Amino acid sequence: MQTIGIKELKTNPAVLTKAMEAKEHLLISKRGKPFALATALDDPLFDLGLKTWLLTRAYASGGLSLGQLARALDKSYSDIAKLLTLINIPVLDYDLADELDTLESLA
């Protein structure tokens, strides 16, 4: 595993690209202390659940749509809905009061 300072990474981002292409992890430090760990998305580590965890967190925070999540995990919408339910992440996020107001305005 290589280590690089965050300032050096800013000036030499090719280090990150080379490490990912070589299937290596890259430890990024900030002021001499470990700060982040970079790894390629096709790393076997992701098959152990990290990929699912990261992508579901991205969905929960609004960074991914339901469709993007399903495609990224190569699962059906119903499988994704079941997964999200199991880990207590709402499949749909809407305000019931707003929906009722909309229905009333259409009537």
PDB file of N, CA and C in Angstrom:
ATOM      1  N   MET A   1       0.852  -1.173   0.000  1.00  0.00           N
ATOM      2  CA  MET A   1       0.000   0.000   0.000  1.00  0.00           C
ATOM      3  C   MET A   1       0.895   1.233   0.000  1.00  0.00           C
ATOM      4  N   GLN A   2       0.586   2.130  -0.921  1.00  0.00           N
ATOM      5  CA  GLN A   2       1.325   3.381  -0.998  1.00  0.00           C
ATOM      6  C   GLN A   2       0.697   4.402  -0.056  1.00  0.00           C
ATOM      7  N   THR A   3       1.493   5.384   0.316  1.00  0.00           N
ATOM      8  CA  THR A   3       1.006   6.495   1.127  1.00  0.00           C
ATOM      9  C   THR A   3       1.387   7.788   0.430  1.00  0.00           C
ATOM     10  N   ILE A   4       0.464   8.744   0.432  1.00  0.00           N
ATOM     11  CA  ILE A   4       0.732  10.036  -0.178  1.00  0.00           C
ATOM     12  C   ILE A   4       0.064  11.115   0.659  1.00  0.00           C
ATOM     13  N   GLY A   5       0.714  12.245   0.771  1.00  0.00           N
ATOM     14  CA  GLY A   5       0.128  13.383   1.468  1.00  0.00           C
ATOM     15  C   GLY A   5      -0.919  14.045   0.593  1.00  0.00           C
ATOM     16  N   ILE A   6      -1.919  14.623   1.210  1.00  0.00           N
ATOM     17  CA  ILE A   6      -3.010  15.226   0.451  1.00  0.00           C
ATOM     18  C   ILE A   6      -2.518  16.380  -0.419  1.00  0.00           C
ATOM     19  N   LYS A   7      -1.541  17.142   0.062  1.00  0.00           N
ATOM     20  CA  LYS A   7      -1.000  18.237  -0.747  1.00  0.00           C
ATOM     21  C   LYS A   7      -0.277  17.693  -1.972  1.00  0.00           C
ATOM     22  N   GLU A   8       0.481  16.616  -1.781  1.00  0.00           N
ATOM     23  CA  GLU A   8       1.180  16.005  -2.912  1.00  0.00           C
ATOM     24  C   GLU A   8       0.179  15.434  -3.914  1.00  0.00           C
ATOM     25  N   LEU A   9      -0.911  14.888  -3.425  1.00  0.00           N
ATOM     26  CA  LEU A   9      -1.934  14.331  -4.301  1.00  0.00           C
ATOM     27  C   LEU A   9      -2.558  15.418  -5.170  1.00  0.00           C
ATOM     28  N   LYS A  10      -2.716  16.608  -4.604  1.00  0.00           N
ATOM     29  CA  LYS A  10      -3.273  17.727  -5.370  1.00  0.00           C
ATOM     30  C   LYS A  10      -2.364  18.106  -6.530  1.00  0.00           C
ATOM     31  N   THR A  11      -1.065  18.052  -6.300  1.00  0.00           N
ATOM     32  CA  THR A  11      -0.121  18.443  -7.350  1.00  0.00           C
ATOM     33  C   THR A  11       0.242  17.290  -8.278  1.00  0.00           C
ATOM     34  N   ASN A  12       0.016  16.053  -7.844  1.00  0.00           N
ATOM     35  CA  ASN A  12       0.377  14.890  -8.642  1.00  0.00           C
ATOM     36  C   ASN A  12      -0.732  13.832  -8.591  1.00  0.00           C
ATOM     37  N   PRO A  13      -1.905  14.130  -9.180  1.00  0.00           N
ATOM     38  CA  PRO A  13      -3.016  13.186  -9.112  1.00  0.00           C
ATOM     39  C   PRO A  13      -2.767  11.885  -9.877  1.00  0.00           C
ATOM     40  N   ALA A  14      -1.752  11.863 -10.726  1.00  0.00           N
ATOM     41  CA  ALA A  14      -1.439  10.638 -11.469  1.00  0.00           C
ATOM     42  C   ALA A  14      -1.058   9.496 -10.532  1.00  0.00           C
ATOM     43  N   VAL A  15      -0.574   9.820  -9.335  1.00  0.00           N
ATOM     44  CA  VAL A  15      -0.235   8.787  -8.351  1.00  0.00           C
ATOM     45  C   VAL A  15      -1.483   7.962  -8.025  1.00  0.00           C
ATOM     46  N   LEU A  16      -2.602   8.639  -7.890  1.00  0.00           N
ATOM     47  CA  LEU A  16      -3.864   7.954  -7.596  1.00  0.00           C
ATOM     48  C   LEU A  16      -4.268   7.049  -8.757  1.00  0.00           C
ATOM     49  N   THR A  17      -4.214   7.587  -9.958  1.00  0.00           N
ATOM     50  CA  THR A  17      -4.579   6.804 -11.139  1.00  0.00           C
ATOM     51  C   THR A  17      -3.708   5.566 -11.276  1.00  0.00           C
ATOM     52  N   LYS A  18      -2.418   5.731 -11.117  1.00  0.00           N
ATOM     53  CA  LYS A  18      -1.487   4.603 -11.250  1.00  0.00           C
ATOM     54  C   LYS A  18      -1.749   3.541 -10.178  1.00  0.00           C
ATOM     55  N   ALA A  19      -2.007   3.974  -8.963  1.00  0.00           N
ATOM     56  CA  ALA A  19      -2.280   3.023  -7.884  1.00  0.00           C
ATOM     57  C   ALA A  19      -3.560   2.241  -8.163  1.00  0.00           C
ATOM     58  N   MET A  20      -4.597   2.923  -8.653  1.00  0.00           N
ATOM     59  CA  MET A  20      -5.857   2.244  -8.934  1.00  0.00           C
ATOM     60  C   MET A  20      -5.695   1.260 -10.092  1.00  0.00           C
ATOM     61  N   GLU A  21      -4.956   1.665 -11.120  1.00  0.00           N
ATOM     62  CA  GLU A  21      -4.732   0.772 -12.260  1.00  0.00           C
ATOM     63  C   GLU A  21      -3.905  -0.445 -11.866  1.00  0.00           C
ATOM     64  N   ALA A  22      -3.040  -0.291 -10.859  1.00  0.00           N
ATOM     65  CA  ALA A  22      -2.211  -1.400 -10.377  1.00  0.00           C
ATOM     66  C   ALA A  22      -2.937  -2.235  -9.320  1.00  0.00           C
ATOM     67  N   LYS A  23      -4.219  -1.914  -9.082  1.00  0.00           N
ATOM     68  CA  LYS A  23      -5.034  -2.630  -8.084  1.00  0.00           C
ATOM     69  C   LYS A  23      -4.452  -2.525  -6.676  1.00  0.00           C
ATOM     70  N   GLU A  24      -3.870  -1.366  -6.381  1.00  0.00           N
ATOM     71  CA  GLU A  24      -3.303  -1.119  -5.051  1.00  0.00           C
ATOM     72  C   GLU A  24      -4.208  -0.160  -4.286  1.00  0.00           C
ATOM     73  N   HIS A  25      -4.106  -0.199  -2.982  1.00  0.00           N
ATOM     74  CA  HIS A  25      -4.784   0.777  -2.130  1.00  0.00           C
ATOM     75  C   HIS A  25      -3.838   1.954  -1.952  1.00  0.00           C
ATOM     76  N   LEU A  26      -4.399   3.132  -1.766  1.00  0.00           N
ATOM     77  CA  LEU A  26      -3.591   4.327  -1.566  1.00  0.00           C
ATOM     78  C   LEU A  26      -4.047   5.004  -0.280  1.00  0.00           C
ATOM     79  N   LEU A  27      -3.148   5.074   0.684  1.00  0.00           N
ATOM     80  CA  LEU A  27      -3.440   5.741   1.949  1.00  0.00           C
ATOM     81  C   LEU A  27      -3.100   7.217   1.788  1.00  0.00           C
ATOM     82  N   ILE A  28      -4.051   8.071   2.050  1.00  0.00           N
ATOM     83  CA  ILE A  28      -3.857   9.513   1.915  1.00  0.00           C
ATOM     84  C   ILE A  28      -3.740  10.095   3.314  1.00  0.00           C
ATOM     85  N   SER A  29      -2.667  10.847   3.519  1.00  0.00           N
ATOM     86  CA  SER A  29      -2.449  11.431   4.844  1.00  0.00           C
ATOM     87  C   SER A  29      -2.640  12.946   4.786  1.00  0.00           C
ATOM     88  N   LYS A  30      -2.965  13.488   5.934  1.00  0.00           N
ATOM     89  CA  LYS A  30      -3.142  14.932   6.089  1.00  0.00           C
ATOM     90  C   LYS A  30      -2.388  15.331   7.340  1.00  0.00           C
ATOM     91  N   ARG A  31      -1.406  16.175   7.154  1.00  0.00           N
ATOM     92  CA  ARG A  31      -0.533  16.601   8.255  1.00  0.00           C
ATOM     93  C   ARG A  31       0.116  15.405   8.949  1.00  0.00           C
ATOM     94  N   GLY A  32       0.486  14.408   8.151  1.00  0.00           N
ATOM     95  CA  GLY A  32       1.200  13.249   8.670  1.00  0.00           C
ATOM     96  C   GLY A  32       0.334  12.177   9.303  1.00  0.00           C
ATOM     97  N   LYS A  33      -0.979  12.399   9.338  1.00  0.00           N
ATOM     98  CA  LYS A  33      -1.883  11.411   9.937  1.00  0.00           C
ATOM     99  C   LYS A  33      -2.771  10.800   8.852  1.00  0.00           C
ATOM    100  N   PRO A  34      -3.097   9.506   8.960  1.00  0.00           N
ATOM    101  CA  PRO A  34      -3.990   8.891   7.972  1.00  0.00           C
ATOM    102  C   PRO A  34      -5.308   9.661   7.879  1.00  0.00           C
ATOM    103  N   PHE A  35      -5.730   9.914   6.648  1.00  0.00           N
ATOM    104  CA  PHE A  35      -6.911  10.737   6.405  1.00  0.00           C
ATOM    105  C   PHE A  35      -7.974   9.977   5.601  1.00  0.00           C
ATOM    106  N   ALA A  36      -7.536   9.250   4.569  1.00  0.00           N
ATOM    107  CA  ALA A  36      -8.479   8.540   3.702  1.00  0.00           C
ATOM    108  C   ALA A  36      -7.786   7.349   3.062  1.00  0.00           C
ATOM    109  N   LEU A  37      -8.592   6.447   2.574  1.00  0.00           N
ATOM    110  CA  LEU A  37      -8.078   5.276   1.876  1.00  0.00           C
ATOM    111  C   LEU A  37      -8.761   5.213   0.524  1.00  0.00           C
ATOM    112  N   ALA A  38      -7.972   5.205  -0.535  1.00  0.00           N
ATOM    113  CA  ALA A  38      -8.520   5.104  -1.889  1.00  0.00           C
ATOM    114  C   ALA A  38      -8.323   3.688  -2.397  1.00  0.00           C
ATOM    115  N   THR A  39      -9.359   3.171  -3.024  1.00  0.00           N
ATOM    116  CA  THR A  39      -9.290   1.843  -3.625  1.00  0.00           C
ATOM    117  C   THR A  39     -10.153   1.837  -4.877  1.00  0.00           C
ATOM    118  N   ALA A  40      -9.798   1.037  -5.836  1.00  0.00           N
ATOM    119  CA  ALA A  40     -10.556   0.950  -7.085  1.00  0.00           C
ATOM    120  C   ALA A  40     -11.915   0.302  -6.825  1.00  0.00           C
ATOM    121  N   LEU A  41     -12.910   0.711  -7.589  1.00  0.00           N
ATOM    122  CA  LEU A  41     -14.257   0.177  -7.388  1.00  0.00           C
ATOM    123  C   LEU A  41     -14.396  -1.280  -7.804  1.00  0.00           C
ATOM    124  N   ASP A  42     -13.437  -1.796  -8.572  1.00  0.00           N
ATOM    125  CA  ASP A  42     -13.498  -3.216  -8.933  1.00  0.00           C
ATOM    126  C   ASP A  42     -12.649  -4.081  -8.006  1.00  0.00           C
ATOM    127  N   ASP A  43     -12.222  -3.513  -6.888  1.00  0.00           N
ATOM    128  CA  ASP A  43     -11.439  -4.246  -5.891  1.00  0.00           C
ATOM    129  C   ASP A  43     -12.318  -5.329  -5.251  1.00  0.00           C
ATOM    130  N   PRO A  44     -11.784  -6.523  -5.042  1.00  0.00           N
ATOM    131  CA  PRO A  44     -12.568  -7.592  -4.401  1.00  0.00           C
ATOM    132  C   PRO A  44     -13.115  -7.204  -3.025  1.00  0.00           C
ATOM    133  N   LEU A  45     -12.501  -6.225  -2.374  1.00  0.00           N
ATOM    134  CA  LEU A  45     -12.984  -5.736  -1.086  1.00  0.00           C
ATOM    135  C   LEU A  45     -14.449  -5.322  -1.183  1.00  0.00           C
ATOM    136  N   PHE A  46     -14.811  -4.772  -2.321  1.00  0.00           N
ATOM    137  CA  PHE A  46     -16.185  -4.322  -2.497  1.00  0.00           C
ATOM    138  C   PHE A  46     -17.166  -5.480  -2.562  1.00  0.00           C
ATOM    139  N   ASP A  47     -16.724  -6.627  -3.030  1.00  0.00           N
ATOM    140  CA  ASP A  47     -17.603  -7.792  -3.081  1.00  0.00           C
ATOM    141  C   ASP A  47     -17.971  -8.284  -1.690  1.00  0.00           C
ATOM    142  N   LEU A  48     -17.246  -7.869  -0.687  1.00  0.00           N
ATOM    143  CA  LEU A  48     -17.515  -8.294   0.681  1.00  0.00           C
ATOM    144  C   LEU A  48     -18.532  -7.404   1.380  1.00  0.00           C
ATOM    145  N   GLY A  49     -19.104  -6.445   0.669  1.00  0.00           N
ATOM    146  CA  GLY A  49     -20.157  -5.626   1.237  1.00  0.00           C
ATOM    147  C   GLY A  49     -19.891  -4.137   1.285  1.00  0.00           C
ATOM    148  N   LEU A  50     -18.648  -3.722   1.132  1.00  0.00           N
ATOM    149  CA  LEU A  50     -18.341  -2.299   1.207  1.00  0.00           C
ATOM    150  C   LEU A  50     -19.016  -1.532   0.080  1.00  0.00           C
ATOM    151  N   LYS A  51     -19.034  -2.111  -1.104  1.00  0.00           N
ATOM    152  CA  LYS A  51     -19.664  -1.451  -2.249  1.00  0.00           C
ATOM    153  C   LYS A  51     -21.146  -1.211  -1.962  1.00  0.00           C
ATOM    154  N   THR A  52     -21.825  -2.230  -1.474  1.00  0.00           N
ATOM    155  CA  THR A  52     -23.249  -2.101  -1.158  1.00  0.00           C
ATOM    156  C   THR A  52     -23.470  -1.038  -0.092  1.00  0.00           C
ATOM    157  N   TRP A  53     -22.635  -1.051   0.921  1.00  0.00           N
ATOM    158  CA  TRP A  53     -22.768  -0.071   1.997  1.00  0.00           C
ATOM    159  C   TRP A  53     -22.571   1.349   1.467  1.00  0.00           C
ATOM    160  N   LEU A  54     -21.512   1.561   0.690  1.00  0.00           N
ATOM    161  CA  LEU A  54     -21.237   2.899   0.161  1.00  0.00           C
ATOM    162  C   LEU A  54     -22.359   3.384  -0.755  1.00  0.00           C
ATOM    163  N   LEU A  55     -22.818   2.515  -1.629  1.00  0.00           N
ATOM    164  CA  LEU A  55     -23.854   2.915  -2.574  1.00  0.00           C
ATOM    165  C   LEU A  55     -25.198   3.159  -1.893  1.00  0.00           C
ATOM    166  N   THR A  56     -25.551   2.350  -0.899  1.00  0.00           N
ATOM    167  CA  THR A  56     -26.813   2.596  -0.194  1.00  0.00           C
ATOM    168  C   THR A  56     -26.743   3.883   0.618  1.00  0.00           C
ATOM    169  N   ARG A  57     -25.584   4.204   1.147  1.00  0.00           N
ATOM    170  CA  ARG A  57     -25.420   5.480   1.864  1.00  0.00           C
ATOM    171  C   ARG A  57     -25.543   6.650   0.890  1.00  0.00           C
ATOM    172  N   ALA A  58     -24.991   6.476  -0.312  1.00  0.00           N
ATOM    173  CA  ALA A  58     -25.115   7.525  -1.331  1.00  0.00           C
ATOM    174  C   ALA A  58     -26.581   7.717  -1.719  1.00  0.00           C
ATOM    175  N   TYR A  59     -27.337   6.630  -1.826  1.00  0.00           N
ATOM    176  CA  TYR A  59     -28.767   6.715  -2.118  1.00  0.00           C
ATOM    177  C   TYR A  59     -29.498   7.430  -0.978  1.00  0.00           C
ATOM    178  N   ALA A  60     -29.200   7.047   0.252  1.00  0.00           N
ATOM    179  CA  ALA A  60     -29.877   7.632   1.417  1.00  0.00           C
ATOM    180  C   ALA A  60     -29.633   9.132   1.522  1.00  0.00           C
ATOM    181  N   SER A  61     -28.466   9.580   1.093  1.00  0.00           N
ATOM    182  CA  SER A  61     -28.152  11.006   1.187  1.00  0.00           C
ATOM    183  C   SER A  61     -28.595  11.783  -0.053  1.00  0.00           C
ATOM    184  N   GLY A  62     -29.195  11.088  -1.015  1.00  0.00           N
ATOM    185  CA  GLY A  62     -29.691  11.763  -2.211  1.00  0.00           C
ATOM    186  C   GLY A  62     -28.693  11.823  -3.349  1.00  0.00           C
ATOM    187  N   GLY A  63     -27.555  11.192  -3.195  1.00  0.00           N
ATOM    188  CA  GLY A  63     -26.529  11.227  -4.234  1.00  0.00           C
ATOM    189  C   GLY A  63     -26.789  10.289  -5.396  1.00  0.00           C
ATOM    190  N   LEU A  64     -27.625   9.282  -5.190  1.00  0.00           N
ATOM    191  CA  LEU A  64     -27.981   8.326  -6.242  1.00  0.00           C
ATOM    192  C   LEU A  64     -29.489   8.161  -6.280  1.00  0.00           C
ATOM    193  N   SER A  65     -30.017   7.936  -7.472  1.00  0.00           N
ATOM    194  CA  SER A  65     -31.439   7.615  -7.593  1.00  0.00           C
ATOM    195  C   SER A  65     -31.627   6.119  -7.358  1.00  0.00           C
ATOM    196  N   LEU A  66     -32.870   5.706  -7.224  1.00  0.00           N
ATOM    197  CA  LEU A  66     -33.170   4.288  -7.043  1.00  0.00           C
ATOM    198  C   LEU A  66     -32.682   3.484  -8.253  1.00  0.00           C
ATOM    199  N   GLY A  67     -32.888   4.017  -9.444  1.00  0.00           N
ATOM    200  CA  GLY A  67     -32.438   3.341 -10.658  1.00  0.00           C
ATOM    201  C   GLY A  67     -30.925   3.221 -10.730  1.00  0.00           C
ATOM    202  N   GLN A  68     -30.228   4.294 -10.360  1.00  0.00           N
ATOM    203  CA  GLN A  68     -28.765   4.250 -10.361  1.00  0.00           C
ATOM    204  C   GLN A  68     -28.253   3.220  -9.365  1.00  0.00           C
ATOM    205  N   LEU A  69     -28.888   3.153  -8.208  1.00  0.00           N
ATOM    206  CA  LEU A  69     -28.492   2.177  -7.196  1.00  0.00           C
ATOM    207  C   LEU A  69     -28.708   0.757  -7.711  1.00  0.00           C
ATOM    208  N   ALA A  70     -29.851   0.515  -8.325  1.00  0.00           N
ATOM    209  CA  ALA A  70     -30.152  -0.820  -8.855  1.00  0.00           C
ATOM    210  C   ALA A  70     -29.141  -1.222  -9.928  1.00  0.00           C
ATOM    211  N   ARG A  71     -28.820  -0.299 -10.828  1.00  0.00           N
ATOM    212  CA  ARG A  71     -27.846  -0.608 -11.884  1.00  0.00           C
ATOM    213  C   ARG A  71     -26.459  -0.844 -11.310  1.00  0.00           C
ATOM    214  N   ALA A  72     -26.048  -0.012 -10.364  1.00  0.00           N
ATOM    215  CA  ALA A  72     -24.706  -0.142  -9.784  1.00  0.00           C
ATOM    216  C   ALA A  72     -24.533  -1.468  -9.056  1.00  0.00           C
ATOM    217  N   LEU A  73     -25.610  -1.954  -8.432  1.00  0.00           N
ATOM    218  CA  LEU A  73     -25.538  -3.219  -7.698  1.00  0.00           C
ATOM    219  C   LEU A  73     -26.010  -4.404  -8.540  1.00  0.00           C
ATOM    220  N   ASP A  74     -26.416  -4.121  -9.790  1.00  0.00           N
ATOM    221  CA  ASP A  74     -26.887  -5.150 -10.718  1.00  0.00           C
ATOM    222  C   ASP A  74     -28.018  -5.974 -10.096  1.00  0.00           C
ATOM    223  N   LYS A  75     -29.018  -5.247  -9.577  1.00  0.00           N
ATOM    224  CA  LYS A  75     -30.166  -5.891  -8.936  1.00  0.00           C
ATOM    225  C   LYS A  75     -31.454  -5.286  -9.482  1.00  0.00           C
ATOM    226  N   SER A  76     -32.545  -6.004  -9.310  1.00  0.00           N
ATOM    227  CA  SER A  76     -33.851  -5.500  -9.737  1.00  0.00           C
ATOM    228  C   SER A  76     -34.339  -4.449  -8.739  1.00  0.00           C
ATOM    229  N   TYR A  77     -35.342  -3.680  -9.181  1.00  0.00           N
ATOM    230  CA  TYR A  77     -35.920  -2.680  -8.280  1.00  0.00           C
ATOM    231  C   TYR A  77     -36.507  -3.337  -7.036  1.00  0.00           C
ATOM    232  N   SER A  78     -37.150  -4.481  -7.201  1.00  0.00           N
ATOM    233  CA  SER A  78     -37.753  -5.131  -6.031  1.00  0.00           C
ATOM    234  C   SER A  78     -36.678  -5.628  -5.066  1.00  0.00           C
ATOM    235  N   ASP A  79     -35.563  -6.136  -5.595  1.00  0.00           N
ATOM    236  CA  ASP A  79     -34.466  -6.555  -4.713  1.00  0.00           C
ATOM    237  C   ASP A  79     -33.876  -5.364  -3.966  1.00  0.00           C
ATOM    238  N   ILE A  80     -33.749  -4.233  -4.660  1.00  0.00           N
ATOM    239  CA  ILE A  80     -33.217  -3.024  -4.017  1.00  0.00           C
ATOM    240  C   ILE A  80     -34.190  -2.540  -2.946  1.00  0.00           C
ATOM    241  N   ALA A  81     -35.490  -2.573  -3.242  1.00  0.00           N
ATOM    242  CA  ALA A  81     -36.489  -2.146  -2.252  1.00  0.00           C
ATOM    243  C   ALA A  81     -36.412  -3.015  -1.003  1.00  0.00           C
ATOM    244  N   LYS A  82     -36.250  -4.318  -1.187  1.00  0.00           N
ATOM    245  CA  LYS A  82     -36.121  -5.224  -0.039  1.00  0.00           C
ATOM    246  C   LYS A  82     -34.860  -4.918   0.762  1.00  0.00           C
ATOM    247  N   LEU A  83     -33.750  -4.699   0.053  1.00  0.00           N
ATOM    248  CA  LEU A  83     -32.487  -4.381   0.722  1.00  0.00           C
ATOM    249  C   LEU A  83     -32.612  -3.100   1.536  1.00  0.00           C
ATOM    250  N   LEU A  84     -33.168  -2.062   0.932  1.00  0.00           N
ATOM    251  CA  LEU A  84     -33.309  -0.784   1.634  1.00  0.00           C
ATOM    252  C   LEU A  84     -34.215  -0.923   2.854  1.00  0.00           C
ATOM    253  N   THR A  85     -35.268  -1.701   2.724  1.00  0.00           N
ATOM    254  CA  THR A  85     -36.166  -1.934   3.853  1.00  0.00           C
ATOM    255  C   THR A  85     -35.440  -2.643   4.990  1.00  0.00           C
ATOM    256  N   LEU A  86     -34.615  -3.624   4.646  1.00  0.00           N
ATOM    257  CA  LEU A  86     -33.861  -4.368   5.664  1.00  0.00           C
ATOM    258  C   LEU A  86     -32.919  -3.484   6.469  1.00  0.00           C
ATOM    259  N   ILE A  87     -32.359  -2.473   5.799  1.00  0.00           N
ATOM    260  CA  ILE A  87     -31.385  -1.621   6.498  1.00  0.00           C
ATOM    261  C   ILE A  87     -31.984  -0.273   6.892  1.00  0.00           C
ATOM    262  N   ASN A  88     -33.321  -0.230   6.912  1.00  0.00           N
ATOM    263  CA  ASN A  88     -34.066   0.946   7.396  1.00  0.00           C
ATOM    264  C   ASN A  88     -33.772   2.232   6.634  1.00  0.00           C
ATOM    265  N   ILE A  89     -33.662   2.119   5.321  1.00  0.00           N
ATOM    266  CA  ILE A  89     -33.531   3.302   4.472  1.00  0.00           C
ATOM    267  C   ILE A  89     -34.835   3.407   3.682  1.00  0.00           C
ATOM    268  N   PRO A  90     -35.529   4.539   3.769  1.00  0.00           N
ATOM    269  CA  PRO A  90     -36.799   4.675   3.044  1.00  0.00           C
ATOM    270  C   PRO A  90     -36.609   4.499   1.542  1.00  0.00           C
ATOM    271  N   VAL A  91     -37.489   3.709   0.940  1.00  0.00           N
ATOM    272  CA  VAL A  91     -37.425   3.500  -0.508  1.00  0.00           C
ATOM    273  C   VAL A  91     -37.945   4.741  -1.213  1.00  0.00           C
ATOM    274  N   LEU A  92     -39.009   5.302  -0.702  1.00  0.00           N
ATOM    275  CA  LEU A  92     -39.578   6.535  -1.234  1.00  0.00           C
ATOM    276  C   LEU A  92     -39.492   7.605  -0.164  1.00  0.00           C
ATOM    277  N   ASP A  93     -39.186   8.804  -0.595  1.00  0.00           N
ATOM    278  CA  ASP A  93     -39.061   9.903   0.349  1.00  0.00           C
ATOM    279  C   ASP A  93     -39.964  11.044  -0.116  1.00  0.00           C
ATOM    280  N   TYR A  94     -41.093  11.186   0.525  1.00  0.00           N
ATOM    281  CA  TYR A  94     -42.001  12.260   0.175  1.00  0.00           C
ATOM    282  C   TYR A  94     -42.744  12.716   1.417  1.00  0.00           C
ATOM    283  N   ASP A  95     -43.338  13.889   1.315  1.00  0.00           N
ATOM    284  CA  ASP A  95     -44.083  14.477   2.419  1.00  0.00           C
ATOM    285  C   ASP A  95     -45.572  14.225   2.172  1.00  0.00           C
ATOM    286  N   LEU A  96     -46.200  13.449   3.036  1.00  0.00           N
ATOM    287  CA  LEU A  96     -47.606  13.088   2.873  1.00  0.00           C
ATOM    288  C   LEU A  96     -48.498  14.327   2.837  1.00  0.00           C
ATOM    289  N   ALA A  97     -48.218  15.299   3.668  1.00  0.00           N
ATOM    290  CA  ALA A  97     -49.040  16.511   3.693  1.00  0.00           C
ATOM    291  C   ALA A  97     -48.983  17.226   2.341  1.00  0.00           C
ATOM    292  N   ASP A  98     -47.800  17.308   1.744  1.00  0.00           N
ATOM    293  CA  ASP A  98     -47.674  17.925   0.422  1.00  0.00           C
ATOM    294  C   ASP A  98     -48.457  17.147  -0.626  1.00  0.00           C
ATOM    295  N   GLU A  99     -48.403  15.835  -0.553  1.00  0.00           N
ATOM    296  CA  GLU A  99     -49.131  14.991  -1.502  1.00  0.00           C
ATOM    297  C   GLU A  99     -50.637  15.198  -1.360  1.00  0.00           C
ATOM    298  N   LEU A 100     -51.127  15.274  -0.125  1.00  0.00           N
ATOM    299  CA  LEU A 100     -52.559  15.493   0.102  1.00  0.00           C
ATOM    300  C   LEU A 100     -52.987  16.866  -0.397  1.00  0.00           C
ATOM    301  N   ASP A 101     -52.150  17.881  -0.180  1.00  0.00           N
ATOM    302  CA  ASP A 101     -52.449  19.222  -0.693  1.00  0.00           C
ATOM    303  C   ASP A 101     -52.537  19.212  -2.214  1.00  0.00           C
ATOM    304  N   THR A 102     -51.627  18.493  -2.842  1.00  0.00           N
ATOM    305  CA  THR A 102     -51.635  18.397  -4.302  1.00  0.00           C
ATOM    306  C   THR A 102     -52.908  17.722  -4.791  1.00  0.00           C
ATOM    307  N   LEU A 103     -53.300  16.643  -4.138  1.00  0.00           N
ATOM    308  CA  LEU A 103     -54.531  15.947  -4.522  1.00  0.00           C
ATOM    309  C   LEU A 103     -55.757  16.837  -4.350  1.00  0.00           C
ATOM    310  N   GLU A 104     -55.790  17.604  -3.267  1.00  0.00           N
ATOM    311  CA  GLU A 104     -56.918  18.510  -3.030  1.00  0.00           C
ATOM    312  C   GLU A 104     -56.969  19.603  -4.090  1.00  0.00           C
ATOM    313  N   SER A 105     -55.813  20.100  -4.495  1.00  0.00           N
ATOM    314  CA  SER A 105     -55.789  21.163  -5.499  1.00  0.00           C
ATOM    315  C   SER A 105     -56.215  20.651  -6.879  1.00  0.00           C
ATOM    316  N   LEU A 106     -56.066  19.365  -7.119  1.00  0.00           N
ATOM    317  CA  LEU A 106     -56.474  18.779  -8.398  1.00  0.00           C
ATOM    318  C   LEU A 106     -57.963  18.458  -8.438  1.00  0.00           C
ATOM    319  N   ALA A 107     -58.580  18.363  -7.275  1.00  0.00           N
ATOM    320  CA  ALA A 107     -60.006  17.991  -7.218  1.00  0.00           C
ATOM    321  C   ALA A 107     -60.924  19.149  -7.510  1.00  0.00           C
TER     322      ALA A 107
END
